[in-house]
């Protein structure tokens, strides 16, 4: 597998979904957490979704509890929290591990393409229309600061 579209991900209801459904569209893939200092970035991610969705960008959130247990136990709590507090309408997936044993295959691919292990919540990967990682953004990078790079891959 050599592009992001080759991977299967699990939706919040437990069903598997192929990222092939988004083939030809740029992706912004983020490991999220609901109880993190960076959690307010959900607002910026939603703004990117609203600004660029009609141009083809797909924002995908992957809740992760690997860093200081900063995610709700129940995925329904996570989705409700994100919708109520930040108006999130972009797709959230099932909780994943991003590092170590049991790390999600998609995140292993993303890390192999750009930068190695993920250090914290809200690490963001911008994938181009060909399914390759063009940019990796560390947690402190605000979503608004990625607009120029997003426009380049649209």
N, C-alpha and C. Protein backbone atom coordinates (compact mmCIF):
# COMPACT_ATOMS: atom_id res chain seq x y z
N UNK A 1 0.85 -1.18 0.00
CA UNK A 1 0.00 0.00 0.00
C UNK A 1 0.89 1.23 0.00
N UNK A 2 0.65 2.10 -0.95
CA UNK A 2 1.52 3.26 -1.05
C UNK A 2 0.80 4.58 -1.20
N UNK A 3 -0.48 4.61 -0.90
CA UNK A 3 -1.21 5.87 -0.87
C UNK A 3 -2.30 5.78 0.19
N UNK A 4 -2.70 6.91 0.70
CA UNK A 4 -3.68 6.95 1.80
C UNK A 4 -4.99 6.27 1.42
N UNK A 5 -5.36 6.34 0.15
CA UNK A 5 -6.63 5.77 -0.30
C UNK A 5 -6.67 4.25 -0.23
N UNK A 6 -5.52 3.62 -0.01
CA UNK A 6 -5.44 2.16 0.06
C UNK A 6 -5.91 1.61 1.41
N UNK A 7 -6.16 2.47 2.38
CA UNK A 7 -6.42 2.02 3.75
C UNK A 7 -7.90 2.00 4.09
N UNK A 8 -8.19 1.08 5.01
CA UNK A 8 -9.53 0.98 5.59
C UNK A 8 -9.48 1.67 6.96
N UNK A 9 -10.57 2.37 7.29
CA UNK A 9 -10.69 2.99 8.60
C UNK A 9 -12.02 2.57 9.20
N UNK A 10 -12.10 2.70 10.50
CA UNK A 10 -13.33 2.31 11.20
C UNK A 10 -14.13 3.56 11.55
N UNK A 11 -15.39 3.55 11.15
CA UNK A 11 -16.30 4.65 11.47
C UNK A 11 -16.73 4.54 12.93
N UNK A 12 -17.37 5.57 13.44
CA UNK A 12 -17.77 5.57 14.86
C UNK A 12 -18.77 4.46 15.18
N UNK A 13 -19.51 3.99 14.20
CA UNK A 13 -20.46 2.90 14.45
C UNK A 13 -19.80 1.52 14.37
N UNK A 14 -18.48 1.50 14.12
CA UNK A 14 -17.75 0.24 14.07
C UNK A 14 -17.57 -0.33 12.68
N UNK A 15 -18.31 0.18 11.69
CA UNK A 15 -18.19 -0.31 10.32
C UNK A 15 -16.86 0.11 9.71
N UNK A 16 -16.31 -0.75 8.86
CA UNK A 16 -15.11 -0.41 8.12
C UNK A 16 -15.48 0.40 6.88
N UNK A 17 -14.61 1.34 6.53
CA UNK A 17 -14.83 2.17 5.36
C UNK A 17 -13.48 2.32 4.65
N UNK A 18 -13.50 2.22 3.35
CA UNK A 18 -12.27 2.40 2.57
C UNK A 18 -12.08 3.89 2.28
N UNK A 19 -10.86 4.36 2.48
CA UNK A 19 -10.56 5.75 2.11
C UNK A 19 -10.58 5.93 0.60
N UNK A 20 -10.68 4.83 -0.14
CA UNK A 20 -10.83 4.89 -1.59
C UNK A 20 -12.06 5.72 -1.97
N UNK A 21 -13.02 5.82 -1.05
CA UNK A 21 -14.22 6.62 -1.29
C UNK A 21 -13.87 8.09 -1.54
N UNK A 22 -12.69 8.52 -1.08
CA UNK A 22 -12.24 9.90 -1.24
C UNK A 22 -11.15 10.05 -2.30
N UNK A 23 -10.93 9.00 -3.08
CA UNK A 23 -9.86 9.02 -4.08
C UNK A 23 -9.97 10.26 -4.96
N UNK A 24 -8.83 10.92 -5.16
CA UNK A 24 -8.80 12.13 -5.96
C UNK A 24 -9.09 13.39 -5.19
N UNK A 25 -9.38 13.26 -3.91
CA UNK A 25 -9.63 14.43 -3.07
C UNK A 25 -8.50 14.56 -2.05
N UNK A 26 -8.06 15.80 -1.78
CA UNK A 26 -7.07 15.97 -0.73
C UNK A 26 -7.71 15.70 0.64
N UNK A 27 -6.90 15.19 1.55
CA UNK A 27 -7.36 14.84 2.89
C UNK A 27 -6.54 15.60 3.92
N UNK A 28 -7.19 16.02 4.99
CA UNK A 28 -6.50 16.53 6.16
C UNK A 28 -6.85 15.56 7.29
N UNK A 29 -5.87 14.77 7.71
CA UNK A 29 -6.07 13.71 8.69
C UNK A 29 -5.45 14.16 10.00
N UNK A 30 -6.25 14.10 11.08
CA UNK A 30 -5.82 14.64 12.37
C UNK A 30 -6.12 13.64 13.48
N UNK A 31 -5.13 13.40 14.36
CA UNK A 31 -5.43 12.64 15.57
C UNK A 31 -5.90 13.64 16.62
N UNK A 32 -7.13 13.49 17.07
CA UNK A 32 -7.77 14.47 17.93
C UNK A 32 -7.92 13.95 19.36
N UNK A 33 -8.25 14.86 20.26
CA UNK A 33 -8.56 14.51 21.65
C UNK A 33 -9.49 15.59 22.20
N UNK A 34 -10.46 15.18 22.97
CA UNK A 34 -11.49 16.10 23.46
C UNK A 34 -11.11 16.84 24.74
N UNK A 35 -10.07 16.38 25.42
CA UNK A 35 -9.71 16.99 26.71
C UNK A 35 -8.25 17.43 26.73
N UNK A 36 -7.83 18.06 25.66
CA UNK A 36 -6.43 18.44 25.44
C UNK A 36 -6.33 19.97 25.37
N UNK A 37 -5.17 20.49 25.66
CA UNK A 37 -4.96 21.92 25.52
C UNK A 37 -5.16 22.40 24.09
N UNK A 38 -5.01 21.50 23.13
CA UNK A 38 -5.20 21.85 21.72
C UNK A 38 -6.63 21.61 21.23
N UNK A 39 -7.50 21.14 22.09
CA UNK A 39 -8.88 20.84 21.70
C UNK A 39 -9.58 22.00 21.01
N UNK A 40 -9.33 23.27 21.39
CA UNK A 40 -9.98 24.37 20.66
C UNK A 40 -9.66 24.40 19.17
N UNK A 41 -8.66 23.64 18.72
CA UNK A 41 -8.38 23.57 17.28
C UNK A 41 -9.53 22.93 16.51
N UNK A 42 -10.45 22.25 17.19
CA UNK A 42 -11.63 21.73 16.50
C UNK A 42 -12.34 22.86 15.76
N UNK A 43 -12.38 24.05 16.36
CA UNK A 43 -13.04 25.19 15.72
C UNK A 43 -12.35 25.52 14.40
N UNK A 44 -11.03 25.60 14.42
CA UNK A 44 -10.29 25.89 13.20
C UNK A 44 -10.40 24.80 12.16
N UNK A 45 -10.41 23.55 12.60
CA UNK A 45 -10.58 22.43 11.66
C UNK A 45 -11.96 22.51 11.01
N UNK A 46 -12.97 22.85 11.79
CA UNK A 46 -14.32 23.01 11.23
C UNK A 46 -14.35 24.16 10.22
N UNK A 47 -13.64 25.24 10.52
CA UNK A 47 -13.58 26.36 9.57
C UNK A 47 -12.91 25.94 8.27
N UNK A 48 -11.84 25.14 8.35
CA UNK A 48 -11.21 24.62 7.13
C UNK A 48 -12.20 23.76 6.35
N UNK A 49 -12.93 22.92 7.06
CA UNK A 49 -13.95 22.07 6.43
C UNK A 49 -14.97 22.93 5.69
N UNK A 50 -15.45 23.96 6.35
CA UNK A 50 -16.48 24.82 5.74
C UNK A 50 -15.91 25.60 4.55
N UNK A 51 -14.68 26.04 4.65
CA UNK A 51 -14.07 26.84 3.60
C UNK A 51 -13.72 26.01 2.37
N UNK A 52 -13.20 24.81 2.57
CA UNK A 52 -12.62 24.04 1.46
C UNK A 52 -13.37 22.77 1.08
N UNK A 53 -14.40 22.40 1.81
CA UNK A 53 -15.11 21.16 1.49
C UNK A 53 -15.68 21.18 0.07
N UNK A 54 -16.29 22.29 -0.32
CA UNK A 54 -16.88 22.37 -1.66
C UNK A 54 -15.83 22.35 -2.76
N UNK A 55 -14.57 22.58 -2.40
CA UNK A 55 -13.46 22.52 -3.36
C UNK A 55 -12.80 21.14 -3.35
N UNK A 56 -13.29 20.25 -2.48
CA UNK A 56 -12.81 18.88 -2.49
C UNK A 56 -12.09 18.40 -1.25
N UNK A 57 -11.69 19.29 -0.33
CA UNK A 57 -10.96 18.87 0.87
C UNK A 57 -11.85 18.04 1.79
N UNK A 58 -11.28 16.95 2.29
CA UNK A 58 -11.96 16.13 3.29
C UNK A 58 -11.14 16.19 4.58
N UNK A 59 -11.75 16.71 5.63
CA UNK A 59 -11.12 16.72 6.95
C UNK A 59 -11.61 15.47 7.68
N UNK A 60 -10.68 14.69 8.22
CA UNK A 60 -11.03 13.47 8.95
C UNK A 60 -10.38 13.52 10.33
N UNK A 61 -11.20 13.41 11.37
CA UNK A 61 -10.71 13.38 12.73
C UNK A 61 -10.68 11.97 13.27
N UNK A 62 -9.56 11.61 13.89
CA UNK A 62 -9.39 10.29 14.48
C UNK A 62 -9.11 10.46 15.97
N UNK A 63 -10.14 10.34 16.81
CA UNK A 63 -9.91 10.47 18.24
C UNK A 63 -8.86 9.46 18.72
N UNK A 64 -8.01 9.93 19.62
CA UNK A 64 -6.91 9.12 20.12
C UNK A 64 -6.76 9.35 21.62
N UNK A 65 -6.59 8.27 22.36
CA UNK A 65 -6.49 8.35 23.81
C UNK A 65 -5.08 8.00 24.29
N UNK A 66 -4.11 7.99 23.40
CA UNK A 66 -2.76 7.55 23.75
C UNK A 66 -1.95 8.57 24.53
N UNK A 67 -2.33 9.81 24.48
CA UNK A 67 -1.53 10.86 25.11
C UNK A 67 -2.27 11.40 26.33
N UNK A 68 -1.88 10.93 27.50
CA UNK A 68 -2.43 11.39 28.80
C UNK A 68 -3.94 11.15 28.94
N UNK A 69 -4.46 10.14 28.26
CA UNK A 69 -5.88 9.77 28.38
C UNK A 69 -6.81 10.98 28.24
N UNK A 70 -6.66 11.70 27.14
CA UNK A 70 -7.41 12.94 26.94
C UNK A 70 -8.60 12.79 26.00
N UNK A 71 -9.13 11.58 25.92
CA UNK A 71 -10.32 11.34 25.10
C UNK A 71 -11.35 10.61 25.94
N UNK A 72 -12.61 10.87 25.64
CA UNK A 72 -13.70 10.18 26.34
C UNK A 72 -13.61 8.68 26.08
N UNK A 73 -14.08 7.90 27.01
CA UNK A 73 -14.10 6.46 26.86
C UNK A 73 -15.06 6.05 25.74
N UNK A 74 -16.21 6.69 25.70
CA UNK A 74 -17.29 6.35 24.79
C UNK A 74 -17.27 7.27 23.57
N UNK A 75 -17.25 6.70 22.36
CA UNK A 75 -17.17 7.50 21.13
C UNK A 75 -18.38 8.41 20.97
N UNK A 76 -19.53 8.01 21.49
CA UNK A 76 -20.72 8.87 21.41
C UNK A 76 -20.50 10.16 22.20
N UNK A 77 -19.81 10.07 23.36
CA UNK A 77 -19.49 11.27 24.13
C UNK A 77 -18.57 12.18 23.32
N UNK A 78 -17.62 11.58 22.64
CA UNK A 78 -16.68 12.35 21.82
C UNK A 78 -17.41 13.10 20.73
N UNK A 79 -18.23 12.42 19.97
CA UNK A 79 -18.92 13.07 18.85
C UNK A 79 -19.87 14.15 19.34
N UNK A 80 -20.58 13.88 20.43
CA UNK A 80 -21.50 14.88 20.98
C UNK A 80 -20.71 16.11 21.46
N UNK A 81 -19.63 15.88 22.17
CA UNK A 81 -18.80 16.97 22.67
C UNK A 81 -18.32 17.86 21.51
N UNK A 82 -17.84 17.24 20.45
CA UNK A 82 -17.31 17.98 19.30
C UNK A 82 -18.41 18.77 18.58
N UNK A 83 -19.57 18.18 18.45
CA UNK A 83 -20.68 18.85 17.78
C UNK A 83 -21.22 20.01 18.62
N UNK A 84 -21.43 19.77 19.90
CA UNK A 84 -22.02 20.78 20.78
C UNK A 84 -21.06 21.94 21.02
N UNK A 85 -19.81 21.65 21.29
CA UNK A 85 -18.86 22.69 21.68
C UNK A 85 -18.16 23.38 20.52
N UNK A 86 -18.01 22.68 19.39
CA UNK A 86 -17.25 23.25 18.28
C UNK A 86 -17.97 23.18 16.94
N UNK A 87 -19.21 22.70 16.93
CA UNK A 87 -19.98 22.65 15.69
C UNK A 87 -19.42 21.73 14.64
N UNK A 88 -18.69 20.71 15.06
CA UNK A 88 -18.02 19.81 14.12
C UNK A 88 -19.03 19.05 13.27
N UNK A 89 -18.85 19.18 11.94
CA UNK A 89 -19.66 18.41 10.99
C UNK A 89 -18.78 17.55 10.09
N UNK A 90 -17.46 17.72 10.16
CA UNK A 90 -16.58 16.85 9.36
C UNK A 90 -16.56 15.47 10.01
N UNK A 91 -16.22 14.44 9.24
CA UNK A 91 -16.28 13.08 9.78
C UNK A 91 -15.28 12.82 10.91
N UNK A 92 -15.79 12.25 11.97
CA UNK A 92 -14.95 11.71 13.04
C UNK A 92 -15.02 10.20 12.91
N UNK A 93 -13.90 9.55 13.11
CA UNK A 93 -13.82 8.11 13.01
C UNK A 93 -13.77 7.50 14.41
N UNK A 94 -13.67 6.19 14.46
CA UNK A 94 -13.53 5.49 15.73
C UNK A 94 -12.16 5.83 16.33
N UNK A 95 -12.04 5.65 17.64
CA UNK A 95 -10.77 5.90 18.32
C UNK A 95 -9.69 4.98 17.75
N UNK A 96 -8.49 5.54 17.64
CA UNK A 96 -7.35 4.78 17.12
C UNK A 96 -6.14 4.95 18.02
N UNK A 97 -5.20 4.03 17.85
CA UNK A 97 -3.86 4.21 18.37
C UNK A 97 -3.02 4.70 17.21
N UNK A 98 -2.13 5.64 17.48
CA UNK A 98 -1.31 6.19 16.40
C UNK A 98 0.15 5.76 16.49
N UNK A 99 0.55 5.22 17.62
CA UNK A 99 1.93 4.78 17.84
C UNK A 99 1.94 3.41 18.50
N UNK A 100 3.06 2.71 18.36
CA UNK A 100 3.28 1.48 19.11
C UNK A 100 2.49 0.29 18.62
N UNK A 101 2.43 -0.74 19.49
CA UNK A 101 1.68 -1.95 19.17
C UNK A 101 0.22 -1.61 18.96
N UNK A 102 -0.34 -2.12 17.90
CA UNK A 102 -1.75 -1.87 17.61
C UNK A 102 -2.03 -0.53 16.95
N UNK A 103 -0.98 0.18 16.54
CA UNK A 103 -1.20 1.46 15.85
C UNK A 103 -1.98 1.21 14.57
N UNK A 104 -2.87 2.10 14.27
CA UNK A 104 -3.68 2.01 13.06
C UNK A 104 -2.78 2.04 11.82
N UNK A 105 -3.08 1.18 10.86
CA UNK A 105 -2.26 1.07 9.65
C UNK A 105 -2.17 2.39 8.88
N UNK A 106 -3.26 3.15 8.84
CA UNK A 106 -3.22 4.44 8.17
C UNK A 106 -2.18 5.34 8.82
N UNK A 107 -2.16 5.38 10.13
CA UNK A 107 -1.21 6.25 10.82
C UNK A 107 0.22 5.74 10.67
N UNK A 108 0.41 4.44 10.57
CA UNK A 108 1.75 3.93 10.28
C UNK A 108 2.22 4.43 8.92
N UNK A 109 1.33 4.41 7.93
CA UNK A 109 1.65 4.93 6.61
C UNK A 109 1.98 6.43 6.67
N UNK A 110 1.15 7.20 7.34
CA UNK A 110 1.37 8.64 7.44
C UNK A 110 2.71 8.95 8.09
N UNK A 111 3.03 8.24 9.15
CA UNK A 111 4.30 8.45 9.85
C UNK A 111 5.48 8.04 8.97
N UNK A 112 5.33 6.97 8.22
CA UNK A 112 6.40 6.53 7.31
C UNK A 112 6.65 7.58 6.23
N UNK A 113 5.59 8.22 5.77
CA UNK A 113 5.74 9.22 4.72
C UNK A 113 6.34 10.53 5.24
N UNK A 114 5.99 10.90 6.48
CA UNK A 114 6.46 12.19 7.01
C UNK A 114 6.69 12.15 8.51
N UNK A 115 7.93 12.06 8.91
CA UNK A 115 8.32 12.44 10.25
C UNK A 115 8.34 11.46 11.39
N UNK A 116 8.00 10.22 11.20
CA UNK A 116 8.11 9.27 12.30
C UNK A 116 7.03 9.42 13.36
N UNK A 117 7.34 8.95 14.57
CA UNK A 117 6.36 8.86 15.65
C UNK A 117 5.61 10.17 15.88
N UNK A 118 4.37 10.02 16.28
CA UNK A 118 3.53 11.17 16.63
C UNK A 118 3.78 11.49 18.10
N UNK A 119 4.01 12.77 18.37
CA UNK A 119 4.39 13.17 19.72
C UNK A 119 3.20 13.58 20.60
N UNK A 120 2.09 13.98 19.99
CA UNK A 120 0.96 14.46 20.80
C UNK A 120 -0.29 14.55 19.95
N UNK A 121 -1.39 14.88 20.61
CA UNK A 121 -2.68 15.08 19.95
C UNK A 121 -2.61 16.25 18.96
N UNK A 122 -3.46 16.19 17.96
CA UNK A 122 -3.60 17.23 16.95
C UNK A 122 -2.38 17.36 16.04
N UNK A 123 -1.73 16.24 15.78
CA UNK A 123 -0.76 16.19 14.69
C UNK A 123 -1.60 16.05 13.42
N UNK A 124 -1.26 16.84 12.42
CA UNK A 124 -2.09 16.92 11.22
C UNK A 124 -1.27 16.53 10.00
N UNK A 125 -1.90 15.77 9.10
CA UNK A 125 -1.27 15.33 7.86
C UNK A 125 -2.11 15.79 6.68
N UNK A 126 -1.49 16.52 5.77
CA UNK A 126 -2.16 16.96 4.55
C UNK A 126 -1.77 16.02 3.42
N UNK A 127 -2.78 15.35 2.87
CA UNK A 127 -2.59 14.36 1.82
C UNK A 127 -3.08 14.96 0.50
N UNK A 128 -2.28 14.82 -0.55
CA UNK A 128 -2.67 15.39 -1.84
C UNK A 128 -3.67 14.49 -2.57
N UNK A 129 -4.08 14.92 -3.76
CA UNK A 129 -5.08 14.19 -4.55
C UNK A 129 -4.60 12.82 -5.02
N UNK A 130 -3.28 12.59 -4.93
CA UNK A 130 -2.72 11.29 -5.31
C UNK A 130 -2.53 10.36 -4.11
N UNK A 131 -2.96 10.81 -2.94
CA UNK A 131 -2.88 9.96 -1.75
C UNK A 131 -1.55 9.98 -1.03
N UNK A 132 -0.70 10.97 -1.32
CA UNK A 132 0.61 11.06 -0.68
C UNK A 132 0.66 12.23 0.30
N UNK A 133 1.36 12.03 1.40
CA UNK A 133 1.46 13.08 2.41
C UNK A 133 2.36 14.20 1.88
N UNK A 134 1.79 15.38 1.80
CA UNK A 134 2.55 16.55 1.33
C UNK A 134 3.13 17.32 2.51
N UNK A 135 2.38 17.42 3.60
CA UNK A 135 2.82 18.19 4.76
C UNK A 135 2.40 17.49 6.04
N UNK A 136 3.22 17.68 7.06
CA UNK A 136 2.89 17.24 8.41
C UNK A 136 3.01 18.46 9.30
N UNK A 137 2.01 18.64 10.15
CA UNK A 137 1.98 19.79 11.05
C UNK A 137 1.94 19.29 12.48
N UNK A 138 2.82 19.81 13.29
CA UNK A 138 2.85 19.42 14.70
C UNK A 138 1.67 20.08 15.42
N UNK A 139 1.36 19.61 16.62
CA UNK A 139 0.15 20.05 17.32
C UNK A 139 0.00 21.57 17.48
N UNK A 140 1.07 22.29 17.72
CA UNK A 140 0.96 23.73 17.97
C UNK A 140 0.56 24.53 16.73
N UNK A 141 0.68 23.94 15.54
CA UNK A 141 0.31 24.65 14.31
C UNK A 141 -1.22 24.77 14.25
N UNK A 142 -1.68 26.00 14.16
CA UNK A 142 -3.12 26.26 14.10
C UNK A 142 -3.65 25.92 12.71
N UNK A 143 -4.88 25.40 12.65
CA UNK A 143 -5.45 25.06 11.34
C UNK A 143 -5.42 26.21 10.33
N UNK A 144 -5.66 27.44 10.77
CA UNK A 144 -5.67 28.58 9.85
C UNK A 144 -4.32 28.77 9.17
N UNK A 145 -3.25 28.34 9.82
CA UNK A 145 -1.91 28.50 9.26
C UNK A 145 -1.63 27.49 8.13
N UNK A 146 -2.55 26.59 7.87
CA UNK A 146 -2.37 25.60 6.82
C UNK A 146 -3.07 25.95 5.52
N UNK A 147 -3.79 27.07 5.51
CA UNK A 147 -4.63 27.40 4.35
C UNK A 147 -3.86 27.45 3.03
N UNK A 148 -2.71 28.10 3.03
CA UNK A 148 -1.95 28.22 1.77
C UNK A 148 -1.55 26.85 1.24
N UNK A 149 -1.13 25.95 2.14
CA UNK A 149 -0.75 24.59 1.71
C UNK A 149 -1.96 23.82 1.20
N UNK A 150 -3.10 24.01 1.84
CA UNK A 150 -4.33 23.35 1.40
C UNK A 150 -4.70 23.82 -0.01
N UNK A 151 -4.61 25.12 -0.23
CA UNK A 151 -4.96 25.65 -1.55
C UNK A 151 -4.08 25.06 -2.64
N UNK A 152 -2.82 24.75 -2.32
CA UNK A 152 -1.89 24.16 -3.29
C UNK A 152 -2.30 22.74 -3.71
N UNK A 153 -2.97 22.00 -2.82
CA UNK A 153 -3.33 20.61 -3.16
C UNK A 153 -4.76 20.47 -3.69
N UNK A 154 -5.50 21.55 -3.71
CA UNK A 154 -6.89 21.48 -4.20
C UNK A 154 -6.93 21.36 -5.72
